[in-house]
Amino acid sequence: MRAASDQLAFDELGTPLRDTTFVVFDLETTGTRPGQDGITEIGAVKVRGGEVLGEFATLVDPGMPVPPQIVALTGITGAMLLDAPPLGQVLPAFLEFAAGAVLVAHNAPFDTGFLRAACGEYGYAWPRPAVVCTVRLARRVLTRQDTPSHRLAALAALFGSATTPNHRALVDARATVDVLHALLERLGPVGVHSLEELLDYLPEVTTAQRGKRGMAAHLPERPGVYLFRGPSDEVLYVGTARNLRRRVRQYFTGSESRGRIREMVALAGRVDAIECSHALEAQVRELRLLAAHRPAYNRRSKNPHASWWLVVTEEAFPRLSVVRVARDGALGPFRSQAAAKLAADVLSGASGLRTCTQRISARAPSGRPCTLAELGRCAAPCAGRQSSDEYRPGVDAVLELIEGTGAAPLDSALRRLDSLTEAQHFEQAARWRDELAVLVHAVRRAHRLSALAAIPELIGASPDGAGGWEFAVIRHGRLASAGVARRGVPPMPVVDALVAAAETVEPGPGPLRGAPAEEVGLLLRWLTRPGVRLVRTAVPWAEPARGAGGWGNWLERAATAVALENTGAG
C-alpha cells in the first residue's frame, strides 16, 4: 500500500488546471438565510484555460419584498424585479450552464447554501460539484503582508482586476474570475497543477481523506454507481457519477466538507464500482442498491416501497382509507402519510364521502350525527339520514376520478372555492385552493405513473450529445435493459440486442404493477425530457384525458396566486 505522504502517480494526477472548466458565480439575495431569504440576481462566467466560454446573468423574482438595506447595497429594487423570472424558471437554466464544471465563488458556502436550498425547494438533486472558495484560497495563498483584507474589492484591487466589484452579480463574478486566475498563478511554484491537487491544497482535508485517495485509482472514467465498503465489507454509502474515478476522488479532497461523509471515508476500506451504459441506468441501480443495502450514511431512498395510498373501503358506506400497501384501484403514491390524509380529506369533502371510521349498517344504522353533519358537510348516513343508494354517487365519482374517467369531485371542489371567494372568505378560499392543488397534483402524478407502469414494454432513446443514442428498455415501470449506440453505429441492431437480453418483469398488484414509485418517476422524467424519442412500445402510451389531466392551467393560476400573496401584491 502506498504511504499517505506519497505523491499520486502520473496517470492519477487528474485534470490539469488549464483544462478544467470553472463556473465563477455570484448571487445577490434579500438576506443571509438560505431557504428563508430569496435570490434576486445570478451572475456567472464560464472559463477554461484563461478563456471566457460564456456568461450567465439574470435578475430573479425572489417571491418576497427586497429590504431597504439590500436595495441600498445592491441597487436592486422591487420595481426592477417585477418582470423578472421566478427562481423555478431560472434554476434549471443555471444548473445546465454549470453542469460538469467546478463552481467558484467568493465566500462559496454562502452562495452554494442558497443554491442547495433552491434545489431542495424545487425538486432538483444537488449535483455535488467540486467547489472552490476564493476567500479560503486567498487565506491559504496570501499573507497578511500581501493584504490585510480578503474582501473581493480588496483582492480585485490587489491583483489589478479590470472589473471593480459593485455588489451586482455578473460584475462581481467577473472580478472573481480575475482574482481566481491571479491566485492560481501563485500555486504553480508550490506544485499545484491539477484540479485534484488544488482541492487537496485547500485547508480542512483530514489525514484520513488524504491517505485514502488511492482507493479511486482503479475506477474507470465511465458513468456508474460506486459503493464505499466498511471494515466488515458492509456497504457504507452508495452514489452515482458520470465519471466514477473523478467523482470518488473528490471524497478525498477539500471539496468534501460534510462531517458525516468524512466520517464514512475514515471507516471505508475500499470502493467498488458498477459501470453503467449511461446516467439513467446509474440512477436506477443506485435506487435498487440503496433499497438492498440500506447504507448507514445515505439519507434518502432507503425504502423505495415506503409510499402511502388511498383506497376506497369495501362496505355499505365506503370511505377513503390511507394504507401502506397498494392494490388495484388505489390512488397514489403519496410521499407521506400527512399528504395522503390531506388528499383524502379534500376528496371526501368534495364528493360527500364520510370521514369517520365506524362501520355503518345499511339496514339499521344506529350512530349519532357528528359535528360535520351539523355543519352541513356530511349527510349523516350513520344516523340513517342517507341511504346507501343516495350515498353511492359520491363513491362512484371518486372511483371515476381515480380511474381517470371523470372529474366530478374536482369540479365540486372548484365550485366550493368560487363560493368562498364570492362570499369574501378569502383566507378560507386560499386554504381550500392550496388543499385542492395538492389533490390535483396527486391525481395527475398518479395517472402519469400508472400509465407508464401499465405498458408491458417501451423502448426510449435519448441523444448522447455526440451523435449517438442512449437506450432504455422499460417494462411495467422498471428499467429492464440499458445500452448505447455511439455515433456511426447502426442503432436498431443495438435495440434488438437490448430487448433480447432484457430482464423479464412480471407485473405485480396495484397501479404501478409492483414497481417502486421512485423508479417509475425517474423513468418518466427521463422519457419526457426534450429530445427523448420513443423507439417502439408494445401498447400505446396514453394518459387519461379526463380526471385531472385538463387542470394544468388551473394549477398554473393557483401557483401564480400563491406567489403574489407571498410578495404582498395579492
Protein backbone atom coordinates (compact mmCIF):
# COMPACT_ATOMS: atom_id res chain seq x y z
CA MET A 1 0.00 0.00 0.00
CA ARG A 2 1.27 3.46 -0.86
CA ALA A 3 2.19 5.72 2.06
CA ALA A 4 -0.15 8.62 2.73
CA SER A 5 2.61 11.13 2.00
CA ASP A 6 3.49 9.69 -1.44
CA GLN A 7 2.57 11.69 -4.50
CA LEU A 8 -0.02 10.48 -6.97
CA ALA A 9 1.32 8.54 -9.94
CA PHE A 10 1.42 10.38 -13.28
CA ASP A 11 -1.76 8.70 -14.55
CA GLU A 12 -3.59 9.66 -11.36
CA LEU A 13 -2.85 13.37 -11.46
CA GLY A 14 -6.34 14.12 -12.72
CA THR A 15 -7.44 17.16 -14.68
CA PRO A 16 -4.81 19.85 -15.35
CA LEU A 17 -5.97 23.26 -14.19
CA ARG A 18 -5.57 24.60 -17.73
CA ASP A 19 -8.13 22.00 -18.91
CA THR A 20 -10.54 22.49 -16.02
CA THR A 21 -13.80 24.30 -16.68
CA PHE A 22 -14.72 26.72 -13.90
CA VAL A 23 -18.07 28.45 -13.48
CA VAL A 24 -17.40 31.51 -11.35
CA PHE A 25 -20.68 32.81 -9.99
CA ASP A 26 -22.22 35.27 -7.58
CA LEU A 27 -25.69 35.66 -6.10
CA GLU A 28 -27.48 38.72 -4.82
CA THR A 29 -30.12 37.92 -2.21
CA THR A 30 -32.69 39.52 0.07
CA GLY A 31 -30.82 38.33 3.18
CA THR A 32 -28.40 35.80 4.60
CA ARG A 33 -30.65 32.81 5.36
CA PRO A 34 -30.85 30.10 2.67
CA GLY A 35 -34.35 28.72 2.41
CA GLN A 36 -35.89 31.77 4.07
CA ASP A 37 -34.47 34.68 2.08
CA GLY A 38 -34.70 34.85 -1.69
CA ILE A 39 -32.31 35.20 -4.63
CA THR A 40 -32.61 38.44 -6.60
CA GLU A 41 -29.82 38.04 -9.17
CA ILE A 42 -27.50 35.36 -10.55
CA GLY A 43 -24.35 36.14 -12.50
CA ALA A 44 -21.80 33.62 -13.73
CA VAL A 45 -18.78 33.39 -16.03
CA LYS A 46 -17.60 30.08 -17.52
CA VAL A 47 -13.84 29.94 -18.08
CA ARG A 48 -11.27 27.37 -19.12
CA GLY A 49 -7.56 27.90 -19.71
CA GLY A 50 -7.92 31.63 -19.13
CA GLU A 51 -10.57 31.95 -21.86
CA VAL A 52 -14.14 33.07 -21.23
CA LEU A 53 -16.51 30.44 -22.69
CA GLY A 54 -19.78 32.12 -21.78
CA GLU A 55 -21.70 34.24 -19.32
CA PHE A 56 -24.99 33.82 -17.49
CA ALA A 57 -26.87 36.76 -16.00
CA THR A 58 -30.44 37.35 -14.91
CA LEU A 59 -32.48 39.11 -12.31
CA VAL A 60 -34.72 36.79 -10.30
CA ASP A 61 -38.11 37.35 -8.72
CA PRO A 62 -37.41 36.36 -5.08
CA GLY A 63 -41.09 35.98 -4.21
CA MET A 64 -40.73 38.49 -1.37
CA PRO A 65 -40.00 42.20 -0.85
CA VAL A 66 -36.41 43.45 -1.05
CA PRO A 67 -35.39 45.04 2.30
CA PRO A 68 -34.30 48.71 2.12
CA GLN A 69 -30.77 47.90 3.31
CA ILE A 70 -30.36 45.41 0.47
CA VAL A 71 -31.64 47.96 -2.04
CA ALA A 72 -29.07 50.41 -0.73
CA LEU A 73 -26.29 47.81 -1.01
CA THR A 74 -27.04 46.34 -4.43
CA GLY A 75 -29.21 48.93 -6.13
CA ILE A 76 -31.71 46.20 -6.99
CA THR A 77 -35.23 47.47 -6.32
CA GLY A 78 -38.58 45.75 -6.24
CA ALA A 79 -39.58 47.59 -9.42
CA MET A 80 -36.61 46.07 -11.26
CA LEU A 81 -37.82 42.58 -10.31
CA LEU A 82 -41.47 42.95 -11.36
CA ASP A 83 -40.89 41.31 -14.74
CA ALA A 84 -38.02 39.06 -13.63
CA PRO A 85 -38.48 35.29 -14.00
CA PRO A 86 -39.08 33.29 -10.80
CA LEU A 87 -36.34 31.08 -9.42
CA GLY A 88 -38.22 27.97 -10.54
CA GLN A 89 -37.55 29.01 -14.15
CA VAL A 90 -34.02 30.30 -13.66
CA LEU A 91 -32.62 27.44 -11.57
CA PRO A 92 -32.71 24.68 -14.24
CA ALA A 93 -31.10 27.02 -16.76
CA PHE A 94 -28.27 27.84 -14.35
CA LEU A 95 -27.77 24.18 -13.42
CA GLU A 96 -27.46 23.36 -17.12
CA PHE A 97 -24.99 26.22 -17.64
CA ALA A 98 -22.84 24.97 -14.73
CA ALA A 99 -23.19 21.24 -15.42
CA GLY A 100 -19.88 19.40 -15.22
CA ALA A 101 -17.90 22.46 -14.15
CA VAL A 102 -16.14 23.37 -10.92
CA LEU A 103 -18.13 26.04 -9.06
CA VAL A 104 -16.16 29.03 -7.81
CA ALA A 105 -17.47 31.81 -5.60
CA HIS A 106 -16.13 34.38 -3.19
CA ASN A 107 -17.34 33.04 0.17
CA ALA A 108 -18.67 29.93 -1.57
CA PRO A 109 -20.56 28.45 1.44
CA PHE A 110 -22.95 31.42 1.28
CA ASP A 111 -23.69 31.11 -2.44
CA THR A 112 -23.79 27.32 -2.59
CA GLY A 113 -26.01 27.32 0.50
CA PHE A 114 -28.65 29.28 -1.39
CA LEU A 115 -28.29 27.01 -4.44
CA ARG A 116 -28.66 23.88 -2.31
CA ALA A 117 -31.78 25.29 -0.67
CA ALA A 118 -33.22 26.20 -4.07
CA CYS A 119 -32.57 22.72 -5.42
CA GLY A 120 -34.34 21.22 -2.43
CA GLU A 121 -37.30 23.56 -2.79
CA TYR A 122 -37.82 22.91 -6.49
CA GLY A 123 -37.10 19.19 -6.51
CA TYR A 124 -33.69 19.18 -8.19
CA ALA A 125 -30.95 16.89 -6.94
CA TRP A 126 -27.91 18.85 -5.81
CA PRO A 127 -25.28 17.90 -8.44
CA ARG A 128 -22.48 17.80 -5.86
CA PRO A 129 -19.91 19.73 -7.92
CA ALA A 130 -16.38 20.42 -6.84
CA VAL A 131 -16.38 23.85 -5.19
CA VAL A 132 -13.56 26.35 -4.82
CA CYS A 133 -13.94 29.28 -2.44
CA THR A 134 -11.69 32.19 -3.36
CA VAL A 135 -11.84 33.51 0.21
CA ARG A 136 -10.39 30.24 1.55
CA LEU A 137 -7.91 30.04 -1.30
CA ALA A 138 -6.75 33.62 -0.71
CA ARG A 139 -6.25 32.94 3.00
CA ARG A 140 -4.18 29.89 2.08
CA VAL A 141 -2.07 31.66 -0.55
CA LEU A 142 -1.68 35.23 0.69
CA THR A 143 0.00 36.55 3.80
CA ARG A 144 -1.02 39.45 5.99
CA GLN A 145 1.77 41.41 4.36
CA ASP A 146 0.15 40.82 0.95
CA THR A 147 -3.25 42.11 2.05
CA PRO A 148 -4.95 42.85 5.37
CA SER A 149 -8.36 42.04 3.91
CA HIS A 150 -9.77 39.16 1.86
CA ARG A 151 -12.85 41.04 0.72
CA LEU A 152 -13.50 40.81 -3.01
CA ALA A 153 -12.95 44.53 -3.56
CA ALA A 154 -9.59 44.39 -1.75
CA LEU A 155 -8.37 41.36 -3.72
CA ALA A 156 -9.57 42.81 -7.03
CA ALA A 157 -7.58 45.97 -6.31
CA LEU A 158 -4.53 43.95 -5.20
CA PHE A 159 -4.43 41.97 -8.43
CA GLY A 160 -5.32 44.87 -10.70
CA SER A 161 -8.62 43.42 -11.87
CA ALA A 162 -10.14 45.09 -14.91
CA THR A 163 -13.52 44.90 -13.15
CA THR A 164 -14.42 46.74 -9.96
CA PRO A 165 -16.91 44.83 -7.76
CA ASN A 166 -20.18 46.69 -7.16
CA HIS A 167 -22.48 44.12 -5.47
CA ARG A 168 -24.11 43.20 -8.79
CA ALA A 169 -23.88 39.51 -9.61
CA LEU A 170 -22.26 39.46 -13.06
CA VAL A 171 -19.83 42.27 -12.30
CA ASP A 172 -18.72 40.59 -9.07
CA ALA A 173 -18.40 37.24 -10.88
CA ARG A 174 -16.12 38.86 -13.49
CA ALA A 175 -13.98 40.34 -10.74
CA THR A 176 -13.80 36.95 -9.04
CA VAL A 177 -12.53 35.41 -12.30
CA ASP A 178 -9.55 37.79 -12.21
CA VAL A 179 -8.94 37.00 -8.53
CA LEU A 180 -9.11 33.25 -9.22
CA HIS A 181 -6.61 33.42 -12.07
CA ALA A 182 -4.21 35.51 -10.01
CA LEU A 183 -4.38 33.06 -7.11
CA LEU A 184 -3.89 30.05 -9.39
CA GLU A 185 -0.74 31.66 -10.83
CA ARG A 186 0.75 31.63 -7.33
CA LEU A 187 0.07 27.93 -6.88
CA GLY A 188 2.33 26.66 -9.68
CA PRO A 189 5.58 27.14 -7.71
CA VAL A 190 4.18 25.05 -4.81
CA GLY A 191 3.34 22.10 -7.08
CA VAL A 192 -0.39 22.60 -7.60
CA HIS A 193 -1.07 21.89 -11.27
CA SER A 194 -4.29 19.81 -11.34
CA LEU A 195 -7.82 20.20 -10.05
CA GLU A 196 -7.31 17.38 -7.58
CA GLU A 197 -4.15 18.99 -6.23
CA LEU A 198 -5.98 22.32 -5.93
CA LEU A 199 -8.79 20.77 -3.91
CA ASP A 200 -6.27 18.85 -1.82
CA TYR A 201 -4.30 22.05 -1.19
CA LEU A 202 -7.25 23.81 0.41
CA PRO A 203 -7.50 23.52 4.22
CA GLU A 204 -9.69 21.14 6.19
CA VAL A 205 -8.58 17.96 4.43
CA THR A 206 -8.29 15.28 7.09
CA THR A 207 -5.40 12.83 7.17
CA ALA A 208 -7.88 10.00 6.60
CA GLN A 209 -9.23 11.68 3.48
CA ARG A 210 -5.83 12.41 2.00
CA GLY A 211 -4.41 8.99 2.85
CA LYS A 212 -7.15 7.06 1.06
CA ARG A 213 -7.17 8.87 -2.25
CA GLY A 214 -5.53 5.86 -3.89
CA MET A 215 -8.80 3.96 -3.42
CA ALA A 216 -10.07 5.67 -6.56
CA ALA A 217 -7.11 4.76 -8.74
CA HIS A 218 -8.65 1.56 -10.17
CA LEU A 219 -12.01 3.08 -11.03
CA PRO A 220 -12.94 3.69 -14.67
CA GLU A 221 -13.68 7.10 -16.09
CA ARG A 222 -17.16 5.97 -17.01
CA PRO A 223 -20.69 6.54 -15.67
CA GLY A 224 -21.83 4.20 -12.97
CA VAL A 225 -22.53 3.54 -9.30
CA TYR A 226 -19.92 3.44 -6.55
CA LEU A 227 -20.13 1.71 -3.17
CA PHE A 228 -17.94 2.59 -0.18
CA ARG A 229 -17.44 -0.55 1.93
CA GLY A 230 -16.52 -0.67 5.60
CA PRO A 231 -14.24 -2.88 7.73
CA SER A 232 -16.68 -5.83 7.61
CA ASP A 233 -17.37 -5.39 3.90
CA GLU A 234 -20.68 -3.68 4.71
CA VAL A 235 -21.91 -1.00 2.32
CA LEU A 236 -21.48 2.39 3.96
CA TYR A 237 -22.55 4.68 1.14
CA VAL A 238 -23.86 4.46 -2.43
CA GLY A 239 -23.69 7.18 -5.06
CA THR A 240 -23.73 7.77 -8.81
CA ALA A 241 -21.31 9.54 -11.11
CA ARG A 242 -20.86 10.38 -14.76
CA ASN A 243 -17.15 9.81 -14.21
CA LEU A 244 -16.56 7.28 -11.45
CA ARG A 245 -12.86 7.96 -10.85
CA ARG A 246 -13.23 11.72 -10.82
CA ARG A 247 -16.24 11.69 -8.52
CA VAL A 248 -14.77 9.27 -5.96
CA ARG A 249 -11.51 11.26 -5.85
CA GLN A 250 -13.47 14.27 -4.65
CA TYR A 251 -14.21 12.46 -1.37
CA PHE A 252 -10.51 12.64 -0.55
CA THR A 253 -10.10 16.37 -1.19
CA GLY A 254 -11.16 19.65 0.34
CA SER A 255 -14.29 19.77 -1.82
CA GLU A 256 -15.89 17.25 0.54
CA SER A 257 -16.85 19.14 3.71
CA ARG A 258 -19.80 17.12 5.05
CA GLY A 259 -18.95 15.79 8.51
CA ARG A 260 -20.88 12.54 8.15
CA ILE A 261 -19.21 11.76 4.83
CA ARG A 262 -15.76 12.46 6.23
CA GLU A 263 -16.57 10.03 9.00
CA MET A 264 -17.64 7.48 6.37
CA VAL A 265 -14.39 7.95 4.42
CA ALA A 266 -12.40 7.31 7.58
CA LEU A 267 -14.21 3.97 8.03
CA ALA A 268 -14.06 2.88 4.39
CA GLY A 269 -11.74 0.06 3.38
CA ARG A 270 -12.39 0.03 -0.35
CA VAL A 271 -14.59 1.42 -3.10
CA ASP A 272 -16.42 -0.87 -5.54
CA ALA A 273 -17.97 0.34 -8.76
CA ILE A 274 -20.57 -0.85 -11.23
CA GLU A 275 -20.11 0.57 -14.71
CA CYS A 276 -23.32 1.65 -16.43
CA SER A 277 -24.19 2.46 -20.01
CA HIS A 278 -25.44 5.93 -19.14
CA ALA A 279 -26.59 8.16 -16.29
CA LEU A 280 -30.17 6.84 -16.25
CA GLU A 281 -29.02 3.28 -15.66
CA ALA A 282 -26.72 4.50 -12.88
CA GLN A 283 -29.58 6.34 -11.14
CA VAL A 284 -31.83 3.28 -11.29
CA ARG A 285 -29.10 0.99 -9.98
CA GLU A 286 -28.44 3.45 -7.17
CA LEU A 287 -32.09 3.29 -6.09
CA ARG A 288 -32.03 -0.50 -6.11
CA LEU A 289 -28.73 -0.73 -4.21
CA LEU A 290 -29.97 1.71 -1.58
CA ALA A 291 -33.03 -0.45 -1.05
CA ALA A 292 -30.96 -3.65 -0.91
CA HIS A 293 -28.19 -2.45 1.44
CA ARG A 294 -29.78 0.45 3.36
CA PRO A 295 -26.36 2.15 3.84
CA ALA A 296 -25.91 3.96 7.13
CA TYR A 297 -24.50 7.13 5.55
CA ASN A 298 -27.14 7.64 2.85
CA ARG A 299 -30.06 9.80 3.91
CA ARG A 300 -32.60 9.12 1.17
CA SER A 301 -34.33 6.42 -0.85
CA LYS A 302 -33.55 3.55 1.52
CA ASN A 303 -37.05 2.16 1.22
CA PRO A 304 -38.43 2.65 -2.29
CA HIS A 305 -41.72 0.97 -1.42
CA ALA A 306 -42.40 3.26 1.56
CA SER A 307 -45.31 5.07 -0.08
CA TRP A 308 -48.83 5.82 1.05
CA TRP A 309 -52.01 5.15 -0.89
CA LEU A 310 -55.71 5.99 -0.77
CA VAL A 311 -58.21 3.17 -1.22
CA VAL A 312 -61.99 3.07 -1.16
CA THR A 313 -63.12 0.65 1.54
CA GLU A 314 -65.49 -2.22 0.80
CA GLU A 315 -68.56 -1.69 2.98
CA ALA A 316 -72.10 -0.41 2.76
CA PHE A 317 -70.97 3.21 3.09
CA PRO A 318 -67.41 3.24 1.72
CA ARG A 319 -64.86 5.82 2.78
CA LEU A 320 -61.29 6.69 1.87
CA SER A 321 -58.61 4.90 3.86
CA VAL A 322 -54.86 5.64 3.97
CA VAL A 323 -52.86 2.42 3.57
CA ARG A 324 -49.24 1.38 3.04
CA VAL A 325 -49.79 -1.44 0.53
CA ALA A 326 -51.05 -0.60 -2.94
CA ARG A 327 -53.82 -2.58 -4.54
CA ASP A 328 -55.78 -2.27 -7.73
CA GLY A 329 -57.94 0.85 -7.71
CA ALA A 330 -55.73 2.74 -5.24
CA LEU A 331 -54.79 6.40 -5.63
CA GLY A 332 -51.16 7.34 -5.16
CA PRO A 333 -48.38 7.07 -4.37
CA PHE A 334 -48.05 9.80 -1.75
CA ARG A 335 -44.66 10.63 -0.26
CA SER A 336 -46.00 10.96 3.29
CA GLN A 337 -48.95 9.90 5.39
CA ALA A 338 -49.82 13.54 6.02
CA ALA A 339 -50.07 14.26 2.28
CA ALA A 340 -52.29 11.22 1.79
CA LYS A 341 -54.57 12.25 4.66
CA LEU A 342 -54.86 15.79 3.30
CA ALA A 343 -55.83 14.48 -0.15
CA ALA A 344 -58.34 12.12 1.46
CA ASP A 345 -59.97 14.96 3.40
CA VAL A 346 -60.24 17.19 0.33
CA LEU A 347 -61.58 14.39 -1.86
CA SER A 348 -64.06 13.29 0.79
CA GLY A 349 -65.30 16.83 1.30
CA ALA A 350 -65.71 17.38 -2.44
CA SER A 351 -67.56 14.12 -3.07
CA GLY A 352 -69.65 13.79 0.08
CA LEU A 353 -67.87 10.72 1.44
CA ARG A 354 -67.78 10.33 5.18
CA THR A 355 -64.51 10.66 7.08
CA CYS A 356 -65.43 8.75 10.25
CA THR A 357 -64.06 5.21 10.67
CA GLN A 358 -67.06 3.45 12.21
CA ARG A 359 -68.75 0.66 10.27
CA ILE A 360 -72.30 1.60 9.35
CA SER A 361 -75.02 -0.93 8.79
CA ALA A 362 -77.02 -0.45 5.59
CA ARG A 363 -80.19 -1.81 7.24
CA ALA A 364 -80.10 -0.44 10.77
CA PRO A 365 -77.70 2.48 11.24
CA SER A 366 -77.55 3.46 14.90
CA GLY A 367 -74.98 6.24 15.10
CA ARG A 368 -75.31 9.86 16.15
CA PRO A 369 -74.63 12.78 13.81
CA CYS A 370 -71.18 14.29 14.21
CA THR A 371 -70.05 17.91 14.05
CA LEU A 372 -69.54 17.71 10.29
CA ALA A 373 -73.18 16.73 9.87
CA GLU A 374 -74.26 19.71 11.92
CA LEU A 375 -72.10 21.94 9.69
CA GLY A 376 -73.73 20.50 6.58
CA ARG A 377 -70.56 18.77 5.39
CA CYS A 378 -71.79 15.20 5.95
CA ALA A 379 -75.22 13.73 5.21
CA ALA A 380 -75.01 11.54 8.35
CA PRO A 381 -75.57 8.03 6.94
CA CYS A 382 -74.58 6.80 10.41
CA ALA A 383 -77.88 8.18 11.75
CA GLY A 384 -79.98 6.87 8.88
CA ARG A 385 -80.35 10.26 7.19
CA GLN A 386 -78.85 8.95 3.93
CA SER A 387 -79.42 5.57 2.32
CA SER A 388 -76.70 3.55 0.64
CA ASP A 389 -78.30 4.28 -2.75
CA GLU A 390 -78.22 8.01 -2.04
CA TYR A 391 -74.62 7.72 -0.84
CA ARG A 392 -73.41 5.71 -3.86
CA PRO A 393 -73.00 8.53 -6.46
CA GLY A 394 -70.24 10.11 -4.39
CA VAL A 395 -68.38 6.79 -4.24
CA ASP A 396 -68.72 6.31 -7.99
CA ALA A 397 -67.43 9.84 -8.60
CA VAL A 398 -64.31 9.12 -6.53
CA LEU A 399 -63.70 5.83 -8.35
CA GLU A 400 -64.07 7.56 -11.71
CA LEU A 401 -61.54 10.21 -10.68
CA ILE A 402 -59.07 7.53 -9.61
CA GLU A 403 -59.59 5.68 -12.88
CA GLY A 404 -59.28 8.88 -14.91
CA THR A 405 -62.74 8.67 -16.43
CA GLY A 406 -64.30 11.62 -14.61
CA ALA A 407 -63.51 14.73 -12.59
CA ALA A 408 -66.75 15.44 -10.74
CA PRO A 409 -65.10 15.76 -7.27
CA LEU A 410 -62.61 18.31 -8.62
CA ASP A 411 -65.42 20.28 -10.26
CA SER A 412 -67.32 20.23 -6.97
CA ALA A 413 -64.26 21.42 -5.07
CA LEU A 414 -63.79 24.25 -7.56
CA ARG A 415 -67.41 25.36 -7.07
CA ARG A 416 -66.82 25.49 -3.33
CA LEU A 417 -63.71 27.60 -3.93
CA ASP A 418 -65.72 30.01 -6.08
CA SER A 419 -68.42 30.23 -3.39
CA LEU A 420 -65.89 31.05 -0.68
CA THR A 421 -64.33 33.72 -2.90
CA GLU A 422 -67.68 35.29 -3.78
CA ALA A 423 -68.56 35.38 -0.08
CA GLN A 424 -65.24 37.16 0.53
CA HIS A 425 -63.97 34.43 2.84
CA PHE A 426 -60.54 34.92 1.35
CA GLU A 427 -58.47 33.11 3.97
CA GLN A 428 -60.69 30.04 3.78
CA ALA A 429 -60.65 30.25 -0.02
CA ALA A 430 -56.86 30.41 -0.11
CA ARG A 431 -56.56 27.43 2.22
CA TRP A 432 -59.08 25.41 0.17
CA ARG A 433 -57.29 26.38 -3.04
CA ASP A 434 -53.95 25.15 -1.69
CA GLU A 435 -55.50 21.89 -0.48
CA LEU A 436 -57.23 21.36 -3.81
CA ALA A 437 -53.90 21.93 -5.59
CA VAL A 438 -52.34 19.14 -3.51
CA LEU A 439 -55.12 16.79 -4.61
CA VAL A 440 -54.88 17.77 -8.28
CA HIS A 441 -51.10 17.30 -8.27
CA ALA A 442 -51.52 13.88 -6.64
CA VAL A 443 -54.12 12.70 -9.15
CA ARG A 444 -52.12 13.95 -12.14
CA ARG A 445 -48.95 12.26 -10.86
CA ALA A 446 -50.81 9.03 -10.12
CA HIS A 447 -52.26 8.88 -13.63
CA ARG A 448 -48.91 9.58 -15.27
CA LEU A 449 -47.04 6.97 -13.24
CA SER A 450 -49.70 4.28 -13.62
CA ALA A 451 -49.94 4.90 -17.39
CA LEU A 452 -46.23 4.15 -17.77
CA ALA A 453 -46.31 1.18 -15.41
CA ALA A 454 -49.15 -0.37 -17.43
CA ILE A 455 -47.01 -0.73 -20.57
CA PRO A 456 -45.51 -4.23 -20.95
CA GLU A 457 -42.54 -2.91 -22.93
CA LEU A 458 -41.39 0.51 -24.10
CA ILE A 459 -38.06 1.48 -25.63
CA GLY A 460 -36.84 5.08 -25.35
CA ALA A 461 -33.83 6.76 -26.94
CA SER A 462 -32.03 9.91 -25.82
CA PRO A 463 -29.31 11.73 -27.79
CA ASP A 464 -25.93 11.25 -26.12
CA GLY A 465 -24.70 14.68 -27.23
CA ALA A 466 -22.08 13.23 -29.58
CA GLY A 467 -24.19 11.93 -32.43
CA GLY A 468 -25.16 8.65 -30.77
CA TRP A 469 -28.08 7.34 -28.74
CA GLU A 470 -28.69 6.13 -25.20
CA PHE A 471 -31.39 3.45 -24.96
CA ALA A 472 -33.64 2.25 -22.15
CA VAL A 473 -35.90 -0.81 -22.30
CA ILE A 474 -38.70 -0.26 -19.79
CA ARG A 475 -41.10 -2.98 -18.72
CA HIS A 476 -44.01 -2.23 -16.37
CA GLY A 477 -42.28 0.83 -14.93
CA ARG A 478 -38.90 -0.85 -14.38
CA LEU A 479 -35.65 -0.48 -16.28
CA ALA A 480 -35.13 -3.89 -17.86
CA SER A 481 -32.11 -3.13 -20.05
CA ALA A 482 -29.87 -0.19 -20.99
CA GLY A 483 -27.26 0.43 -23.67
CA VAL A 484 -25.79 2.87 -26.15
CA ALA A 485 -25.19 3.15 -29.87
CA ARG A 486 -22.30 5.52 -30.43
CA ARG A 487 -22.07 7.74 -33.45
CA GLY A 488 -21.77 5.69 -36.62
CA VAL A 489 -23.17 2.50 -35.04
CA PRO A 490 -26.50 1.34 -36.55
CA PRO A 491 -28.97 1.79 -33.69
CA MET A 492 -31.66 -0.81 -34.41
CA PRO A 493 -29.41 -3.88 -34.04
CA VAL A 494 -28.37 -2.48 -30.66
CA VAL A 495 -32.04 -2.07 -29.70
CA ASP A 496 -32.83 -5.64 -30.76
CA ALA A 497 -29.91 -6.99 -28.70
CA LEU A 498 -31.00 -5.00 -25.64
CA VAL A 499 -34.57 -6.29 -25.91
CA ALA A 500 -33.35 -9.88 -26.27
CA ALA A 501 -31.18 -9.57 -23.16
CA ALA A 502 -33.65 -7.52 -21.09
CA GLU A 503 -34.80 -8.61 -17.67
CA THR A 504 -38.14 -10.39 -17.51
CA VAL A 505 -40.59 -8.33 -15.46
CA GLU A 506 -43.74 -9.90 -14.06
CA PRO A 507 -46.33 -7.22 -13.19
CA GLY A 508 -47.44 -7.10 -9.58
CA PRO A 509 -50.56 -5.70 -7.93
CA GLY A 510 -51.52 -2.06 -7.70
CA PRO A 511 -51.48 0.87 -10.11
CA LEU A 512 -47.70 0.67 -10.51
CA ARG A 513 -47.74 -3.09 -11.17
CA GLY A 514 -45.43 -3.61 -8.19
CA ALA A 515 -42.73 -1.19 -9.39
CA PRO A 516 -41.16 1.23 -6.88
CA ALA A 517 -42.63 4.71 -7.25
CA GLU A 518 -39.19 6.38 -7.30
CA GLU A 519 -38.02 4.22 -10.18
CA VAL A 520 -41.19 4.81 -12.21
CA GLY A 521 -40.91 8.55 -11.56
CA LEU A 522 -37.26 8.58 -12.59
CA LEU A 523 -38.03 6.80 -15.85
CA LEU A 524 -40.98 9.09 -16.53
CA ARG A 525 -38.83 12.21 -16.09
CA TRP A 526 -36.23 10.76 -18.46
CA LEU A 527 -38.81 9.86 -21.11
CA THR A 528 -40.38 13.32 -21.04
CA ARG A 529 -37.11 15.24 -21.37
CA PRO A 530 -36.63 17.29 -24.56
CA GLY A 531 -35.07 15.21 -27.31
CA VAL A 532 -36.04 11.78 -25.99
CA ARG A 533 -37.82 9.64 -28.58
CA LEU A 534 -39.95 6.54 -28.40
CA VAL A 535 -38.43 3.76 -30.48
CA ARG A 536 -41.39 1.44 -30.03
CA THR A 537 -43.96 0.42 -27.46
CA ALA A 538 -45.99 -2.76 -27.00
CA VAL A 539 -49.20 -0.79 -26.48
CA PRO A 540 -49.96 2.91 -26.94
CA TRP A 541 -48.69 5.11 -24.14
CA ALA A 542 -51.76 7.10 -23.14
CA GLU A 543 -52.71 9.04 -20.04
CA PRO A 544 -56.35 9.69 -19.04
CA ALA A 545 -57.90 12.57 -20.93
CA ARG A 546 -60.30 13.21 -18.07
CA GLY A 547 -59.59 13.13 -14.36
CA ALA A 548 -57.03 15.82 -13.54
CA GLY A 549 -55.47 15.83 -16.99
CA GLY A 550 -57.07 19.12 -18.02
CA TRP A 551 -56.25 21.01 -14.84
CA GLY A 552 -52.77 22.17 -15.81
CA ASN A 553 -53.83 25.76 -16.49
CA TRP A 554 -55.70 25.93 -13.19
CA LEU A 555 -52.59 24.74 -11.34
CA GLU A 556 -50.52 27.47 -13.00
CA ARG A 557 -53.04 30.12 -11.99
CA ALA A 558 -53.09 28.78 -8.43
CA ALA A 559 -49.28 28.88 -8.26
CA THR A 560 -49.30 32.46 -9.57
CA ALA A 561 -51.82 33.46 -6.92
CA VAL A 562 -49.66 31.95 -4.19
CA ALA A 563 -46.60 33.82 -5.49
CA LEU A 564 -48.50 37.11 -5.50
CA GLU A 565 -49.70 36.53 -1.93
CA ASN A 566 -46.15 35.76 -0.80
CA THR A 567 -44.86 39.01 -2.30
CA GLY A 568 -47.69 41.01 -0.76
CA ALA A 569 -49.00 42.00 -4.17
CA GLY A 570 -52.15 39.92 -3.97
